[in-house]
N, C-alpha and C. Protein backbone atom coordinates (compact mmCIF):
# COMPACT_ATOMS: atom_id res chain seq x y z
N MET A 1 10.58 3.46 114.11
CA MET A 1 10.86 4.86 114.36
C MET A 1 12.24 5.25 113.83
N GLU A 2 13.20 4.39 114.00
CA GLU A 2 14.56 4.69 113.55
C GLU A 2 14.60 4.84 112.03
N GLN A 3 13.84 4.04 111.31
CA GLN A 3 13.78 4.13 109.85
C GLN A 3 13.26 5.49 109.41
N THR A 4 12.28 6.02 110.10
CA THR A 4 11.72 7.33 109.77
C THR A 4 12.78 8.42 109.92
N THR A 5 13.56 8.35 110.98
CA THR A 5 14.62 9.32 111.20
C THR A 5 15.66 9.22 110.08
N GLN A 6 16.02 7.99 109.69
CA GLN A 6 17.00 7.79 108.62
C GLN A 6 16.47 8.36 107.31
N ASN A 7 15.21 8.12 107.00
CA ASN A 7 14.64 8.65 105.77
C ASN A 7 14.65 10.17 105.76
N ARG A 8 14.34 10.79 106.89
CA ARG A 8 14.34 12.25 106.98
C ARG A 8 15.74 12.79 106.74
N LEU A 9 16.74 12.15 107.36
CA LEU A 9 18.12 12.59 107.17
C LEU A 9 18.53 12.44 105.71
N ASN A 10 18.14 11.36 105.09
CA ASN A 10 18.48 11.14 103.70
C ASN A 10 17.83 12.21 102.82
N TYR A 11 16.58 12.54 103.07
CA TYR A 11 15.92 13.59 102.31
C TYR A 11 16.62 14.93 102.53
N GLU A 12 17.02 15.20 103.74
CA GLU A 12 17.69 16.47 104.03
C GLU A 12 19.04 16.54 103.32
N GLU A 13 19.79 15.45 103.33
CA GLU A 13 21.10 15.43 102.65
C GLU A 13 20.94 15.61 101.15
N GLN A 14 19.99 14.89 100.57
CA GLN A 14 19.77 14.99 99.12
C GLN A 14 19.25 16.37 98.74
N SER A 15 18.40 16.93 99.58
CA SER A 15 17.89 18.27 99.34
C SER A 15 19.02 19.30 99.37
N ALA A 16 19.94 19.16 100.32
CA ALA A 16 21.08 20.07 100.41
C ALA A 16 21.96 19.97 99.17
N LEU A 17 22.15 18.75 98.67
CA LEU A 17 22.93 18.56 97.44
C LEU A 17 22.26 19.27 96.27
N LEU A 18 20.96 19.04 96.13
CA LEU A 18 20.24 19.68 95.03
C LEU A 18 20.23 21.20 95.15
N LYS A 19 20.11 21.70 96.37
CA LYS A 19 20.12 23.15 96.60
C LYS A 19 21.46 23.75 96.18
N ALA A 20 22.55 23.07 96.52
CA ALA A 20 23.88 23.57 96.15
C ALA A 20 24.08 23.56 94.64
N LEU A 21 23.51 22.57 93.96
CA LEU A 21 23.68 22.46 92.51
C LEU A 21 22.64 23.27 91.73
N ALA A 22 21.64 23.82 92.41
CA ALA A 22 20.56 24.52 91.74
C ALA A 22 20.99 25.85 91.12
N ASN A 23 22.10 26.39 91.57
CA ASN A 23 22.59 27.65 91.01
C ASN A 23 23.32 27.37 89.70
N PRO A 24 23.01 28.09 88.61
CA PRO A 24 23.65 27.81 87.32
C PRO A 24 25.17 27.94 87.33
N VAL A 25 25.71 28.89 88.07
CA VAL A 25 27.17 29.06 88.12
C VAL A 25 27.80 27.87 88.84
N ARG A 26 27.23 27.46 89.96
CA ARG A 26 27.77 26.31 90.69
C ARG A 26 27.66 25.04 89.86
N LEU A 27 26.54 24.87 89.18
CA LEU A 27 26.38 23.69 88.32
C LEU A 27 27.41 23.70 87.20
N ARG A 28 27.66 24.86 86.64
CA ARG A 28 28.67 24.98 85.56
C ARG A 28 30.07 24.66 86.09
N ILE A 29 30.39 25.14 87.28
CA ILE A 29 31.69 24.84 87.89
C ILE A 29 31.84 23.35 88.12
N VAL A 30 30.83 22.73 88.72
CA VAL A 30 30.90 21.30 89.02
C VAL A 30 31.01 20.50 87.72
N HIS A 31 30.20 20.83 86.73
CA HIS A 31 30.25 20.10 85.46
C HIS A 31 31.61 20.24 84.80
N GLY A 32 32.16 21.44 84.83
CA GLY A 32 33.50 21.65 84.27
C GLY A 32 34.57 20.85 84.99
N LEU A 33 34.50 20.82 86.30
CA LEU A 33 35.47 20.04 87.07
C LEU A 33 35.33 18.55 86.78
N LEU A 34 34.11 18.07 86.64
CA LEU A 34 33.89 16.66 86.36
C LEU A 34 34.39 16.26 84.98
N ARG A 35 34.28 17.16 84.05
CA ARG A 35 34.69 16.84 82.67
C ARG A 35 36.18 17.00 82.46
N THR A 36 36.83 17.89 83.21
CA THR A 36 38.25 18.16 82.92
C THR A 36 39.18 17.94 84.09
N GLY A 37 38.68 17.62 85.26
CA GLY A 37 39.54 17.37 86.41
C GLY A 37 39.83 18.62 87.22
N CYS A 38 40.89 18.56 87.99
CA CYS A 38 41.22 19.64 88.92
C CYS A 38 41.53 20.94 88.20
N HIS A 39 41.08 22.02 88.79
CA HIS A 39 41.37 23.35 88.25
C HIS A 39 41.52 24.33 89.39
N ASN A 40 42.23 25.39 89.09
CA ASN A 40 42.32 26.48 90.06
C ASN A 40 41.30 27.55 89.71
N VAL A 41 41.18 28.54 90.56
CA VAL A 41 40.17 29.58 90.37
C VAL A 41 40.40 30.33 89.07
N SER A 42 41.65 30.55 88.69
CA SER A 42 41.94 31.28 87.45
C SER A 42 41.37 30.56 86.23
N CYS A 43 41.52 29.23 86.19
CA CYS A 43 40.95 28.45 85.08
C CYS A 43 39.44 28.57 85.05
N MET A 44 38.82 28.48 86.23
CA MET A 44 37.36 28.57 86.30
C MET A 44 36.88 29.96 85.95
N GLU A 45 37.67 30.95 86.32
CA GLU A 45 37.35 32.34 86.00
C GLU A 45 37.27 32.51 84.48
N ARG A 46 38.27 31.99 83.78
CA ARG A 46 38.27 32.07 82.33
C ARG A 46 37.14 31.25 81.71
N GLY A 47 36.88 30.07 82.26
CA GLY A 47 35.86 29.18 81.72
C GLY A 47 34.44 29.67 81.91
N THR A 48 34.21 30.41 82.99
CA THR A 48 32.85 30.86 83.28
C THR A 48 32.62 32.32 82.90
N GLY A 49 33.70 33.08 82.76
CA GLY A 49 33.55 34.51 82.50
C GLY A 49 33.20 35.31 83.74
N MET A 50 33.24 34.64 84.91
CA MET A 50 32.92 35.30 86.18
C MET A 50 34.21 35.82 86.82
N SER A 51 34.06 36.75 87.74
CA SER A 51 35.20 37.29 88.46
C SER A 51 35.75 36.28 89.45
N GLN A 52 36.98 36.50 89.87
CA GLN A 52 37.62 35.61 90.84
C GLN A 52 36.80 35.55 92.13
N SER A 53 36.34 36.69 92.59
CA SER A 53 35.59 36.71 93.85
C SER A 53 34.27 35.96 93.71
N CYS A 54 33.62 36.07 92.58
CA CYS A 54 32.36 35.36 92.35
C CYS A 54 32.60 33.85 92.33
N VAL A 55 33.60 33.41 91.58
CA VAL A 55 33.93 31.97 91.52
C VAL A 55 34.30 31.46 92.91
N SER A 56 35.10 32.23 93.63
CA SER A 56 35.51 31.82 94.98
C SER A 56 34.33 31.68 95.92
N GLN A 57 33.36 32.58 95.82
CA GLN A 57 32.16 32.50 96.67
C GLN A 57 31.37 31.24 96.36
N HIS A 58 31.25 30.91 95.09
CA HIS A 58 30.52 29.70 94.72
C HIS A 58 31.28 28.45 95.14
N LEU A 59 32.59 28.48 95.02
CA LEU A 59 33.39 27.34 95.47
C LEU A 59 33.26 27.14 96.97
N GLN A 60 33.18 28.22 97.70
CA GLN A 60 33.01 28.14 99.16
C GLN A 60 31.71 27.43 99.50
N LYS A 61 30.64 27.74 98.78
CA LYS A 61 29.36 27.09 99.02
C LYS A 61 29.41 25.61 98.63
N LEU A 62 30.11 25.31 97.54
CA LEU A 62 30.25 23.92 97.12
C LEU A 62 31.10 23.12 98.11
N ARG A 63 32.11 23.76 98.66
CA ARG A 63 32.93 23.10 99.69
C ARG A 63 32.11 22.85 100.95
N ALA A 64 31.32 23.83 101.36
CA ALA A 64 30.50 23.68 102.56
C ALA A 64 29.49 22.55 102.40
N ALA A 65 29.03 22.32 101.18
CA ALA A 65 28.08 21.25 100.90
C ALA A 65 28.77 19.90 100.71
N GLY A 66 30.10 19.89 100.73
CA GLY A 66 30.84 18.64 100.57
C GLY A 66 30.92 18.15 99.13
N ILE A 67 30.65 19.04 98.19
CA ILE A 67 30.65 18.66 96.78
C ILE A 67 32.05 18.75 96.18
N VAL A 68 32.80 19.77 96.55
CA VAL A 68 34.18 19.90 96.06
C VAL A 68 35.15 19.94 97.23
N GLU A 69 36.37 19.56 96.93
CA GLU A 69 37.47 19.64 97.90
C GLU A 69 38.60 20.41 97.25
N ALA A 70 39.44 20.99 98.07
CA ALA A 70 40.57 21.79 97.59
C ALA A 70 41.87 21.17 98.05
N GLU A 71 42.88 21.26 97.20
CA GLU A 71 44.23 20.81 97.54
C GLU A 71 45.20 21.91 97.17
N ARG A 72 46.07 22.22 98.08
CA ARG A 72 47.07 23.27 97.85
C ARG A 72 48.32 22.65 97.24
N SER A 73 48.85 23.33 96.23
CA SER A 73 50.11 22.95 95.60
C SER A 73 50.91 24.23 95.43
N GLY A 74 51.83 24.48 96.36
CA GLY A 74 52.57 25.73 96.36
C GLY A 74 51.62 26.87 96.66
N ASN A 75 51.61 27.87 95.76
CA ASN A 75 50.72 29.02 95.93
C ASN A 75 49.33 28.79 95.34
N GLU A 76 49.16 27.72 94.61
CA GLU A 76 47.89 27.45 93.93
C GLU A 76 47.01 26.52 94.74
N VAL A 77 45.71 26.70 94.60
CA VAL A 77 44.72 25.80 95.20
C VAL A 77 43.95 25.18 94.05
N TYR A 78 43.93 23.85 94.01
CA TYR A 78 43.23 23.12 92.96
C TYR A 78 42.00 22.45 93.54
N TYR A 79 40.91 22.50 92.78
CA TYR A 79 39.64 21.96 93.23
C TYR A 79 39.26 20.74 92.41
N HIS A 80 38.59 19.81 93.06
CA HIS A 80 38.04 18.65 92.36
C HIS A 80 36.72 18.27 93.02
N VAL A 81 35.88 17.59 92.27
CA VAL A 81 34.59 17.14 92.79
C VAL A 81 34.85 15.91 93.65
N ALA A 82 34.34 15.94 94.87
CA ALA A 82 34.55 14.85 95.82
C ALA A 82 33.26 14.08 96.09
N SER A 83 32.19 14.43 95.42
CA SER A 83 30.88 13.83 95.69
C SER A 83 30.41 12.99 94.51
N PRO A 84 30.43 11.66 94.67
CA PRO A 84 29.88 10.81 93.61
C PRO A 84 28.40 11.10 93.34
N GLU A 85 27.68 11.50 94.39
CA GLU A 85 26.26 11.84 94.22
C GLU A 85 26.10 13.04 93.28
N ALA A 86 26.95 14.04 93.45
CA ALA A 86 26.89 15.22 92.58
C ALA A 86 27.22 14.82 91.14
N ALA A 87 28.16 13.90 90.97
CA ALA A 87 28.51 13.42 89.63
C ALA A 87 27.31 12.70 89.00
N ARG A 88 26.60 11.90 89.77
CA ARG A 88 25.43 11.20 89.23
C ARG A 88 24.33 12.19 88.84
N VAL A 89 24.13 13.22 89.65
CA VAL A 89 23.11 14.24 89.34
C VAL A 89 23.50 14.96 88.04
N ALA A 90 24.75 15.37 87.92
CA ALA A 90 25.21 16.07 86.71
C ALA A 90 25.07 15.17 85.49
N ALA A 91 25.43 13.91 85.62
CA ALA A 91 25.32 12.97 84.51
C ALA A 91 23.86 12.85 84.05
N ALA A 92 22.95 12.77 85.01
CA ALA A 92 21.53 12.67 84.67
C ALA A 92 21.04 13.94 83.99
N LEU A 93 21.48 15.09 84.47
CA LEU A 93 21.03 16.36 83.90
C LEU A 93 21.53 16.57 82.48
N PHE A 94 22.78 16.13 82.22
CA PHE A 94 23.40 16.40 80.92
C PHE A 94 23.40 15.20 79.99
N GLY A 95 22.78 14.10 80.42
CA GLY A 95 22.72 12.91 79.57
C GLY A 95 24.09 12.30 79.31
N GLU A 96 24.95 12.33 80.31
CA GLU A 96 26.30 11.79 80.19
C GLU A 96 26.47 10.62 81.14
N GLU A 97 27.56 9.89 80.97
CA GLU A 97 27.90 8.78 81.85
C GLU A 97 28.80 9.29 82.96
N ASP A 98 28.40 9.07 84.22
CA ASP A 98 29.23 9.55 85.32
C ASP A 98 30.55 8.81 85.41
N GLY A 99 30.68 7.66 84.76
CA GLY A 99 31.94 6.93 84.75
C GLY A 99 33.02 7.63 83.94
N SER A 100 32.62 8.56 83.08
CA SER A 100 33.61 9.28 82.27
C SER A 100 34.12 10.53 82.97
N TYR A 101 33.56 10.83 84.13
CA TYR A 101 33.95 12.04 84.86
C TYR A 101 35.20 11.82 85.69
N VAL A 102 35.89 12.92 85.96
CA VAL A 102 37.07 12.92 86.82
C VAL A 102 36.63 13.27 88.24
N LEU A 103 36.80 12.33 89.15
CA LEU A 103 36.46 12.57 90.55
C LEU A 103 37.72 12.68 91.37
């Protein structure tokens, strides 16, 4: 019985990860962070062509899913991918090696 509960939790966690990455903007943000390391919202705004509020909303969802973390440095907030699972998913989707990513 305990194994069944563990499997259900694992499916739920993996499903939540996939749901968070299923949005093209969020996937683009995560992929960009993995390829280039920490960035602030202004960098992501320029890289995606999205508004600051739009990028911030997507980052909030990624943070809630445990995919990205934020670190404050003075007035700036820098984001990085904190989920090795998300890195593996991105690597599989883009045919890249997750070992080359910045976590």
